[in-house]
Amino acid sequence: MSFEKVNELIEGELDRFIRQLMTLVRQPSVAATGEGLEECAELLVDIMKKNGIQARVLPVKGGPPAVYGEIRAKSSGAPTILFYNHYDVQPPDPLDEWKYPPFDPHIVDGKIYGRGTSDNKGNIISRIHAVWAFLSAIGEVPVNVKFFVEGEEEIGSPHLAPFVEEHKELLKADCGIWEFGGVDHEGRPNIWLGLKGILYVELRVRGTAADTHSSRAPIIPNAAWRLVWALNTLKSEDERVLVEGFYDDVIKPTQRELELIERIPYP
């Protein structure tokens, strides 16, 4: 299958794609405050439908709605890919540091400035229009395509796990593609095979019940130093994690993998 026609259609429709992205960016969708989340989900469904994708809003218990879309290949045995994205954005504060209003996108020197343009609304629009281009060029998509777009990624996706468990058959796929789609310095797509997790820890250290004179420092435990010592047990100066058992299940890279890592350009 030639991609020439697909690429031609994408190039010819770039202005329309950009207009749809600007419309999506204009819609506030701040996860931390809840501003505009439901409206953004409805807008996204509308954009998907206009590009040939069957889409609908799915309620999320305790959280903002998710958006689900799909388009099926004509072949009954075609594999299925699932695109994961999120329509929520970070709060735009402090507003006085913006050159342009965060929800009034501007194009300057070929770049779009607006909250959520890159993370993650631009990626959503790109994927939607890639599907549109296939449908327009050859009348179908080569594989089944599913879209799952949530509205809480920027606050840690607190309701994602139970939602996926409840809708696992609907979201079932042969592979999933995460939200981004960057390229390297030569324009080749980056393919990420894994990502690290996140752990939030809050340490509270108590010392004396009341302020005391610094002359007593040699004989009274100092809460600040106790915190320093605690942090010092987590990581060494050579960046090695010191937590017991941390590396137990880590698979060591092969020589070939190390060679490939060395070839990755690093600024």
C-alpha atoms as a PDB file:
ATOM      1  CA  MET A   1       0.000   0.000   0.000  1.00  0.00           C
ATOM      2  CA  SER A   2       1.370   3.395  -1.041  1.00  0.00           C
ATOM      3  CA  PHE A   3       1.276   6.242   1.431  1.00  0.00           C
ATOM      4  CA  GLU A   4       1.707   8.909  -1.254  1.00  0.00           C
ATOM      5  CA  LYS A   5      -2.017   9.624  -1.560  1.00  0.00           C
ATOM      6  CA  VAL A   6      -2.400   9.687   2.220  1.00  0.00           C
ATOM      7  CA  ASN A   7       0.453  12.176   2.574  1.00  0.00           C
ATOM      8  CA  GLU A   8      -0.911  14.327  -0.253  1.00  0.00           C
ATOM      9  CA  LEU A   9      -4.293  14.565   1.446  1.00  0.00           C
ATOM     10  CA  ILE A  10      -2.704  15.491   4.761  1.00  0.00           C
ATOM     11  CA  GLU A  11      -0.648  18.257   3.147  1.00  0.00           C
ATOM     12  CA  GLY A  12      -3.695  19.570   1.300  1.00  0.00           C
ATOM     13  CA  GLU A  13      -5.836  19.694   4.434  1.00  0.00           C
ATOM     14  CA  LEU A  14      -3.324  21.152   6.883  1.00  0.00           C
ATOM     15  CA  ASP A  15      -5.176  24.444   7.184  1.00  0.00           C
ATOM     16  CA  ARG A  16      -8.383  22.630   8.163  1.00  0.00           C
ATOM     17  CA  PHE A  17      -6.491  20.478  10.647  1.00  0.00           C
ATOM     18  CA  ILE A  18      -4.945  23.560  12.231  1.00  0.00           C
ATOM     19  CA  ARG A  19      -8.323  25.272  12.491  1.00  0.00           C
ATOM     20  CA  GLN A  20      -9.746  22.254  14.307  1.00  0.00           C
ATOM     21  CA  LEU A  21      -6.764  22.213  16.659  1.00  0.00           C
ATOM     22  CA  MET A  22      -7.196  25.911  17.390  1.00  0.00           C
ATOM     23  CA  THR A  23     -10.867  25.289  18.168  1.00  0.00           C
ATOM     24  CA  LEU A  24      -9.929  22.517  20.584  1.00  0.00           C
ATOM     25  CA  VAL A  25      -7.270  24.646  22.286  1.00  0.00           C
ATOM     26  CA  ARG A  26      -9.744  27.512  22.738  1.00  0.00           C
ATOM     27  CA  GLN A  27     -11.878  25.229  24.870  1.00  0.00           C
ATOM     28  CA  PRO A  28     -10.546  25.302  28.459  1.00  0.00           C
ATOM     29  CA  SER A  29     -10.227  21.849  30.025  1.00  0.00           C
ATOM     30  CA  VAL A  30      -8.353  22.180  33.309  1.00  0.00           C
ATOM     31  CA  ALA A  31      -8.319  18.928  35.266  1.00  0.00           C
ATOM     32  CA  ALA A  32      -7.255  20.534  38.548  1.00  0.00           C
ATOM     33  CA  THR A  33     -10.303  22.830  38.654  1.00  0.00           C
ATOM     34  CA  GLY A  34     -12.761  20.969  36.432  1.00  0.00           C
ATOM     35  CA  GLU A  35     -13.142  23.990  34.164  1.00  0.00           C
ATOM     36  CA  GLY A  36     -14.585  23.074  30.766  1.00  0.00           C
ATOM     37  CA  LEU A  37     -13.989  19.324  30.942  1.00  0.00           C
ATOM     38  CA  GLU A  38     -17.447  18.174  29.881  1.00  0.00           C
ATOM     39  CA  GLU A  39     -17.600  20.788  27.131  1.00  0.00           C
ATOM     40  CA  CYS A  40     -14.209  19.701  25.813  1.00  0.00           C
ATOM     41  CA  ALA A  41     -15.256  16.046  25.737  1.00  0.00           C
ATOM     42  CA  GLU A  42     -18.351  16.917  23.703  1.00  0.00           C
ATOM     43  CA  LEU A  43     -16.288  19.075  21.349  1.00  0.00           C
ATOM     44  CA  LEU A  44     -13.821  16.256  20.806  1.00  0.00           C
ATOM     45  CA  VAL A  45     -16.619  13.825  19.954  1.00  0.00           C
ATOM     46  CA  ASP A  46     -17.891  16.316  17.385  1.00  0.00           C
ATOM     47  CA  ILE A  47     -14.440  16.664  15.803  1.00  0.00           C
ATOM     48  CA  MET A  48     -14.042  12.883  15.620  1.00  0.00           C
ATOM     49  CA  LYS A  49     -17.420  12.449  13.949  1.00  0.00           C
ATOM     50  CA  LYS A  50     -16.603  15.137  11.384  1.00  0.00           C
ATOM     51  CA  ASN A  51     -13.547  13.103  10.417  1.00  0.00           C
ATOM     52  CA  GLY A  52     -15.359   9.801   9.937  1.00  0.00           C
ATOM     53  CA  ILE A  53     -14.823   8.269  13.375  1.00  0.00           C
ATOM     54  CA  GLN A  54     -17.658   6.772  15.392  1.00  0.00           C
ATOM     55  CA  ALA A  55     -17.356   8.499  18.747  1.00  0.00           C
ATOM     56  CA  ARG A  56     -19.200   8.995  21.996  1.00  0.00           C
ATOM     57  CA  VAL A  57     -18.781  10.286  25.519  1.00  0.00           C
ATOM     58  CA  LEU A  58     -18.404   7.686  28.261  1.00  0.00           C
ATOM     59  CA  PRO A  59     -19.247   8.660  31.852  1.00  0.00           C
ATOM     60  CA  VAL A  60     -16.516   8.079  34.425  1.00  0.00           C
ATOM     61  CA  LYS A  61     -17.688   7.425  37.971  1.00  0.00           C
ATOM     62  CA  GLY A  62     -16.356  10.183  40.187  1.00  0.00           C
ATOM     63  CA  GLY A  63     -14.531  11.993  37.398  1.00  0.00           C
ATOM     64  CA  PRO A  64     -14.912  13.889  34.130  1.00  0.00           C
ATOM     65  CA  PRO A  65     -16.148  11.993  31.063  1.00  0.00           C
ATOM     66  CA  ALA A  66     -13.908  10.016  28.761  1.00  0.00           C
ATOM     67  CA  VAL A  67     -14.165   9.999  24.981  1.00  0.00           C
ATOM     68  CA  TYR A  68     -14.232   6.772  23.000  1.00  0.00           C
ATOM     69  CA  GLY A  69     -13.961   6.482  19.248  1.00  0.00           C
ATOM     70  CA  GLU A  70     -13.412   3.699  16.768  1.00  0.00           C
ATOM     71  CA  ILE A  71     -13.187   2.909  13.099  1.00  0.00           C
ATOM     72  CA  ARG A  72     -13.020  -0.662  11.905  1.00  0.00           C
ATOM     73  CA  ALA A  73     -11.077  -2.137   9.015  1.00  0.00           C
ATOM     74  CA  LYS A  74     -12.949  -4.043   6.333  1.00  0.00           C
ATOM     75  CA  SER A  75     -10.893  -7.176   6.965  1.00  0.00           C
ATOM     76  CA  SER A  76     -12.432  -9.349   9.674  1.00  0.00           C
ATOM     77  CA  GLY A  77      -9.012 -10.524  10.831  1.00  0.00           C
ATOM     78  CA  ALA A  78      -7.391  -7.107  11.097  1.00  0.00           C
ATOM     79  CA  PRO A  79      -5.509  -6.356  14.322  1.00  0.00           C
ATOM     80  CA  THR A  80      -6.588  -3.512  16.593  1.00  0.00           C
ATOM     81  CA  ILE A  81      -4.555  -0.579  17.853  1.00  0.00           C
ATOM     82  CA  LEU A  82      -5.661   1.657  20.712  1.00  0.00           C
ATOM     83  CA  PHE A  83      -4.638   5.296  20.856  1.00  0.00           C
ATOM     84  CA  TYR A  84      -4.436   6.731  24.364  1.00  0.00           C
ATOM     85  CA  ASN A  85      -4.650  10.491  24.778  1.00  0.00           C
ATOM     86  CA  HIS A  86      -5.967  13.053  27.245  1.00  0.00           C
ATOM     87  CA  TYR A  87      -7.896  16.238  26.616  1.00  0.00           C
ATOM     88  CA  ASP A  88      -7.240  17.868  30.001  1.00  0.00           C
ATOM     89  CA  VAL A  89      -4.516  20.454  30.523  1.00  0.00           C
ATOM     90  CA  GLN A  90      -2.521  21.993  33.347  1.00  0.00           C
ATOM     91  CA  PRO A  91      -3.759  25.245  34.936  1.00  0.00           C
ATOM     92  CA  PRO A  92      -2.466  28.230  32.946  1.00  0.00           C
ATOM     93  CA  ASP A  93      -1.324  30.207  36.009  1.00  0.00           C
ATOM     94  CA  PRO A  94       0.536  32.501  36.348  1.00  0.00           C
ATOM     95  CA  LEU A  95      -1.333  34.308  33.579  1.00  0.00           C
ATOM     96  CA  ASP A  96       0.965  37.342  33.531  1.00  0.00           C
ATOM     97  CA  GLU A  97       3.801  35.179  32.206  1.00  0.00           C
ATOM     98  CA  TRP A  98       1.913  34.315  29.015  1.00  0.00           C
ATOM     99  CA  LYS A  99       2.731  36.361  25.927  1.00  0.00           C
ATOM    100  CA  TYR A 100      -0.680  35.409  24.515  1.00  0.00           C
ATOM    101  CA  PRO A 101      -3.866  34.372  26.361  1.00  0.00           C
ATOM    102  CA  PRO A 102      -3.563  30.619  27.098  1.00  0.00           C
ATOM    103  CA  PHE A 103      -6.972  29.769  25.635  1.00  0.00           C
ATOM    104  CA  ASP A 104      -6.722  32.141  22.677  1.00  0.00           C
ATOM    105  CA  PRO A 105      -4.138  30.364  20.507  1.00  0.00           C
ATOM    106  CA  HIS A 106      -1.863  32.377  18.225  1.00  0.00           C
ATOM    107  CA  ILE A 107       0.362  31.222  15.375  1.00  0.00           C
ATOM    108  CA  VAL A 108       3.771  32.903  15.502  1.00  0.00           C
ATOM    109  CA  ASP A 109       6.713  31.918  13.287  1.00  0.00           C
ATOM    110  CA  GLY A 110       5.002  28.662  12.362  1.00  0.00           C
ATOM    111  CA  LYS A 111       4.316  27.648  15.952  1.00  0.00           C
ATOM    112  CA  ILE A 112       0.987  27.553  17.781  1.00  0.00           C
ATOM    113  CA  TYR A 113       1.014  29.104  21.247  1.00  0.00           C
ATOM    114  CA  GLY A 114      -1.825  28.025  23.533  1.00  0.00           C
ATOM    115  CA  ARG A 115      -2.394  25.841  26.592  1.00  0.00           C
ATOM    116  CA  GLY A 116      -2.592  22.185  25.598  1.00  0.00           C
ATOM    117  CA  THR A 117      -1.396  22.645  22.016  1.00  0.00           C
ATOM    118  CA  SER A 118       1.439  20.188  22.507  1.00  0.00           C
ATOM    119  CA  ASP A 119       0.254  18.327  25.586  1.00  0.00           C
ATOM    120  CA  ASN A 120      -1.956  16.828  24.386  1.00  0.00           C
ATOM    121  CA  LYS A 121      -4.491  18.293  21.986  1.00  0.00           C
ATOM    122  CA  GLY A 122      -2.143  18.557  19.014  1.00  0.00           C
ATOM    123  CA  ASN A 123      -1.408  14.846  19.233  1.00  0.00           C
ATOM    124  CA  ILE A 124      -5.111  14.021  19.390  1.00  0.00           C
ATOM    125  CA  ILE A 125      -5.863  16.061  16.276  1.00  0.00           C
ATOM    126  CA  SER A 126      -2.912  14.518  14.406  1.00  0.00           C
ATOM    127  CA  ARG A 127      -4.170  11.003  15.045  1.00  0.00           C
ATOM    128  CA  ILE A 128      -7.751  11.853  14.144  1.00  0.00           C
ATOM    129  CA  HIS A 129      -6.637  13.337  10.847  1.00  0.00           C
ATOM    130  CA  ALA A 130      -4.348  10.411  10.084  1.00  0.00           C
ATOM    131  CA  VAL A 131      -7.435   8.190  10.249  1.00  0.00           C
ATOM    132  CA  TRP A 132      -9.364  10.672   8.091  1.00  0.00           C
ATOM    133  CA  ALA A 133      -6.579  10.622   5.486  1.00  0.00           C
ATOM    134  CA  PHE A 134      -6.680   6.825   5.214  1.00  0.00           C
ATOM    135  CA  LEU A 135     -10.457   6.839   4.896  1.00  0.00           C
ATOM    136  CA  SER A 136     -10.320   9.520   2.219  1.00  0.00           C
ATOM    137  CA  ALA A 137      -7.422   8.010   0.276  1.00  0.00           C
ATOM    138  CA  ILE A 138      -8.327   4.319   0.198  1.00  0.00           C
ATOM    139  CA  GLY A 139     -11.782   4.158   1.737  1.00  0.00           C
ATOM    140  CA  GLU A 140     -10.731   2.267   4.858  1.00  0.00           C
ATOM    141  CA  VAL A 141      -8.132   1.971   7.576  1.00  0.00           C
ATOM    142  CA  PRO A 142      -5.592  -0.882   7.380  1.00  0.00           C
ATOM    143  CA  VAL A 143      -6.258  -1.922  10.984  1.00  0.00           C
ATOM    144  CA  ASN A 144      -9.036  -1.446  13.502  1.00  0.00           C
ATOM    145  CA  VAL A 145      -8.445   1.814  15.356  1.00  0.00           C
ATOM    146  CA  LYS A 146      -9.762   2.708  18.799  1.00  0.00           C
ATOM    147  CA  PHE A 147      -9.418   6.028  20.587  1.00  0.00           C
ATOM    148  CA  PHE A 148      -9.522   6.432  24.343  1.00  0.00           C
ATOM    149  CA  VAL A 149      -9.189  10.004  25.561  1.00  0.00           C
ATOM    150  CA  GLU A 150      -9.439  10.746  29.283  1.00  0.00           C
ATOM    151  CA  GLY A 151      -9.799  14.001  31.191  1.00  0.00           C
ATOM    152  CA  GLU A 152      -7.666  13.494  34.315  1.00  0.00           C
ATOM    153  CA  GLU A 153      -4.145  12.711  33.147  1.00  0.00           C
ATOM    154  CA  GLU A 154      -2.723  15.949  34.493  1.00  0.00           C
ATOM    155  CA  ILE A 155      -3.826  15.070  38.039  1.00  0.00           C
ATOM    156  CA  GLY A 156      -2.643  11.465  37.987  1.00  0.00           C
ATOM    157  CA  SER A 157      -5.655   9.716  36.380  1.00  0.00           C
ATOM    158  CA  PRO A 158      -7.270   8.806  39.734  1.00  0.00           C
ATOM    159  CA  HIS A 159     -10.275   7.082  38.139  1.00  0.00           C
ATOM    160  CA  LEU A 160      -8.515   5.454  35.186  1.00  0.00           C
ATOM    161  CA  ALA A 161      -7.845   1.993  36.658  1.00  0.00           C
ATOM    162  CA  PRO A 162     -11.440   1.193  37.698  1.00  0.00           C
ATOM    163  CA  PHE A 163     -12.737   2.634  34.422  1.00  0.00           C
ATOM    164  CA  VAL A 164     -10.455   0.391  32.364  1.00  0.00           C
ATOM    165  CA  GLU A 165     -11.429  -2.619  34.455  1.00  0.00           C
ATOM    166  CA  GLU A 166     -15.102  -1.871  33.843  1.00  0.00           C
ATOM    167  CA  HIS A 167     -14.622  -1.335  30.088  1.00  0.00           C
ATOM    168  CA  LYS A 168     -11.809  -3.780  29.369  1.00  0.00           C
ATOM    169  CA  GLU A 169     -13.672  -5.517  26.551  1.00  0.00           C
ATOM    170  CA  LEU A 170     -14.427  -2.215  24.854  1.00  0.00           C
ATOM    171  CA  LEU A 171     -10.789  -1.101  25.150  1.00  0.00           C
ATOM    172  CA  LYS A 172      -9.315  -4.471  24.214  1.00  0.00           C
ATOM    173  CA  ALA A 173      -6.604  -4.167  21.549  1.00  0.00           C
ATOM    174  CA  ASP A 174      -3.532  -5.889  20.160  1.00  0.00           C
ATOM    175  CA  CYS A 175      -1.345  -2.915  20.996  1.00  0.00           C
ATOM    176  CA  GLY A 176      -1.653   0.486  22.593  1.00  0.00           C
ATOM    177  CA  ILE A 177       0.065   3.703  21.568  1.00  0.00           C
ATOM    178  CA  TRP A 178       0.714   6.318  24.224  1.00  0.00           C
ATOM    179  CA  GLU A 179      -0.125   9.994  23.889  1.00  0.00           C
ATOM    180  CA  PHE A 180       2.943  11.452  22.192  1.00  0.00           C
ATOM    181  CA  GLY A 181       4.490  11.022  18.751  1.00  0.00           C
ATOM    182  CA  GLY A 182       7.831  12.773  18.631  1.00  0.00           C
ATOM    183  CA  VAL A 183      10.597  12.431  16.062  1.00  0.00           C
ATOM    184  CA  ASP A 184      14.372  12.466  16.374  1.00  0.00           C
ATOM    185  CA  HIS A 185      16.783  14.968  14.811  1.00  0.00           C
ATOM    186  CA  GLU A 186      16.498  13.165  11.458  1.00  0.00           C
ATOM    187  CA  GLY A 187      12.713  13.148  11.463  1.00  0.00           C
ATOM    188  CA  ARG A 188      12.339   9.482  12.351  1.00  0.00           C
ATOM    189  CA  PRO A 189       9.461   8.618  14.701  1.00  0.00           C
ATOM    190  CA  ASN A 190      10.423   7.786  18.274  1.00  0.00           C
ATOM    191  CA  ILE A 191       9.040   4.463  19.456  1.00  0.00           C
ATOM    192  CA  TRP A 192       8.947   4.149  23.243  1.00  0.00           C
ATOM    193  CA  LEU A 193       8.822   0.591  24.516  1.00  0.00           C
ATOM    194  CA  GLY A 194       8.338   1.482  28.156  1.00  0.00           C
ATOM    195  CA  LEU A 195       8.071   4.305  30.651  1.00  0.00           C
ATOM    196  CA  LYS A 196       9.036   4.739  34.273  1.00  0.00           C
ATOM    197  CA  GLY A 197       6.434   5.116  36.972  1.00  0.00           C
ATOM    198  CA  ILE A 198       5.917   7.881  39.508  1.00  0.00           C
ATOM    199  CA  LEU A 199       6.051   7.651  43.281  1.00  0.00           C
ATOM    200  CA  TYR A 200       4.959  10.501  45.516  1.00  0.00           C
ATOM    201  CA  VAL A 201       6.346  10.465  49.055  1.00  0.00           C
ATOM    202  CA  GLU A 202       5.823  12.993  51.836  1.00  0.00           C
ATOM    203  CA  LEU A 203       8.321  12.951  54.682  1.00  0.00           C
ATOM    204  CA  ARG A 204       7.506  14.612  57.987  1.00  0.00           C
ATOM    205  CA  VAL A 205      10.246  15.064  60.554  1.00  0.00           C
ATOM    206  CA  ARG A 206       9.602  16.322  64.077  1.00  0.00           C
ATOM    207  CA  GLY A 207      12.137  17.655  66.508  1.00  0.00           C
ATOM    208  CA  THR A 208      11.696  19.763  69.605  1.00  0.00           C
ATOM    209  CA  ALA A 209       8.198  20.813  70.629  1.00  0.00           C
ATOM    210  CA  ALA A 210       9.279  24.469  70.860  1.00  0.00           C
ATOM    211  CA  ASP A 211      11.946  26.781  69.452  1.00  0.00           C
ATOM    212  CA  THR A 212      15.287  26.473  71.139  1.00  0.00           C
ATOM    213  CA  HIS A 213      18.535  28.400  71.046  1.00  0.00           C
ATOM    214  CA  SER A 214      21.140  27.371  68.456  1.00  0.00           C
ATOM    215  CA  SER A 215      23.721  26.926  71.200  1.00  0.00           C
ATOM    216  CA  ARG A 216      21.920  23.706  72.111  1.00  0.00           C
ATOM    217  CA  ALA A 217      22.447  22.239  68.624  1.00  0.00           C
ATOM    218  CA  PRO A 218      25.159  19.787  69.769  1.00  0.00           C
ATOM    219  CA  ILE A 219      22.857  18.133  72.273  1.00  0.00           C
ATOM    220  CA  ILE A 220      19.369  18.428  70.735  1.00  0.00           C
ATOM    221  CA  PRO A 221      18.433  16.396  67.628  1.00  0.00           C
ATOM    222  CA  ASN A 222      17.920  18.606  64.571  1.00  0.00           C
ATOM    223  CA  ALA A 223      14.916  17.744  62.392  1.00  0.00           C
ATOM    224  CA  ALA A 224      16.545  19.253  59.300  1.00  0.00           C
ATOM    225  CA  TRP A 225      19.588  16.987  59.580  1.00  0.00           C
ATOM    226  CA  ARG A 226      17.405  13.952  60.166  1.00  0.00           C
ATOM    227  CA  LEU A 227      15.675  14.752  56.882  1.00  0.00           C
ATOM    228  CA  VAL A 228      19.024  15.109  55.102  1.00  0.00           C
ATOM    229  CA  TRP A 229      20.158  11.733  56.426  1.00  0.00           C
ATOM    230  CA  ALA A 230      16.894  10.113  55.380  1.00  0.00           C
ATOM    231  CA  LEU A 231      17.183  11.456  51.827  1.00  0.00           C
ATOM    232  CA  ASN A 232      20.790  10.319  51.697  1.00  0.00           C
ATOM    233  CA  THR A 233      19.662   6.704  52.087  1.00  0.00           C
ATOM    234  CA  LEU A 234      17.649   6.838  48.851  1.00  0.00           C
ATOM    235  CA  LYS A 235      20.261   7.567  46.191  1.00  0.00           C
ATOM    236  CA  SER A 236      24.037   7.641  45.865  1.00  0.00           C
ATOM    237  CA  GLU A 237      26.168  10.277  44.151  1.00  0.00           C
ATOM    238  CA  ASP A 238      26.463   8.052  41.066  1.00  0.00           C
ATOM    239  CA  GLU A 239      22.628   8.040  40.724  1.00  0.00           C
ATOM    240  CA  ARG A 240      22.225   4.466  41.948  1.00  0.00           C
ATOM    241  CA  VAL A 241      19.062   3.870  43.957  1.00  0.00           C
ATOM    242  CA  LEU A 242      19.930   2.541  47.421  1.00  0.00           C
ATOM    243  CA  VAL A 243      16.511   1.184  48.383  1.00  0.00           C
ATOM    244  CA  GLU A 244      16.869  -2.517  49.199  1.00  0.00           C
ATOM    245  CA  GLY A 245      15.383  -4.730  46.492  1.00  0.00           C
ATOM    246  CA  PHE A 246      14.887  -1.900  43.984  1.00  0.00           C
ATOM    247  CA  TYR A 247      16.882  -3.635  41.250  1.00  0.00           C
ATOM    248  CA  ASP A 248      15.734  -7.197  41.948  1.00  0.00           C
ATOM    249  CA  ASP A 249      13.429  -7.417  38.915  1.00  0.00           C
ATOM    250  CA  VAL A 250      15.364  -5.114  36.605  1.00  0.00           C
ATOM    251  CA  ILE A 251      16.600  -6.863  33.463  1.00  0.00           C
ATOM    252  CA  LYS A 252      20.147  -5.847  32.590  1.00  0.00           C
ATOM    253  CA  PRO A 253      20.626  -4.433  29.064  1.00  0.00           C
ATOM    254  CA  THR A 254      22.392  -6.610  26.532  1.00  0.00           C
ATOM    255  CA  GLN A 255      25.607  -5.536  24.847  1.00  0.00           C
ATOM    256  CA  ARG A 256      23.646  -4.850  21.666  1.00  0.00           C
ATOM    257  CA  GLU A 257      21.202  -2.632  23.550  1.00  0.00           C
ATOM    258  CA  LEU A 258      24.058  -0.686  25.113  1.00  0.00           C
ATOM    259  CA  GLU A 259      25.564  -0.153  21.658  1.00  0.00           C
ATOM    260  CA  LEU A 260      22.257   1.160  20.344  1.00  0.00           C
ATOM    261  CA  ILE A 261      21.931   3.502  23.319  1.00  0.00           C
ATOM    262  CA  GLU A 262      25.372   4.927  22.561  1.00  0.00           C
ATOM    263  CA  ARG A 263      24.186   5.767  19.037  1.00  0.00           C
ATOM    264  CA  ILE A 264      21.249   7.862  20.246  1.00  0.00           C
ATOM    265  CA  PRO A 265      22.095  11.537  19.632  1.00  0.00           C
ATOM    266  CA  TYR A 266      22.164  13.500  22.857  1.00  0.00           C
ATOM    267  CA  PRO A 267      22.187  17.310  22.810  1.00  0.00           C
END
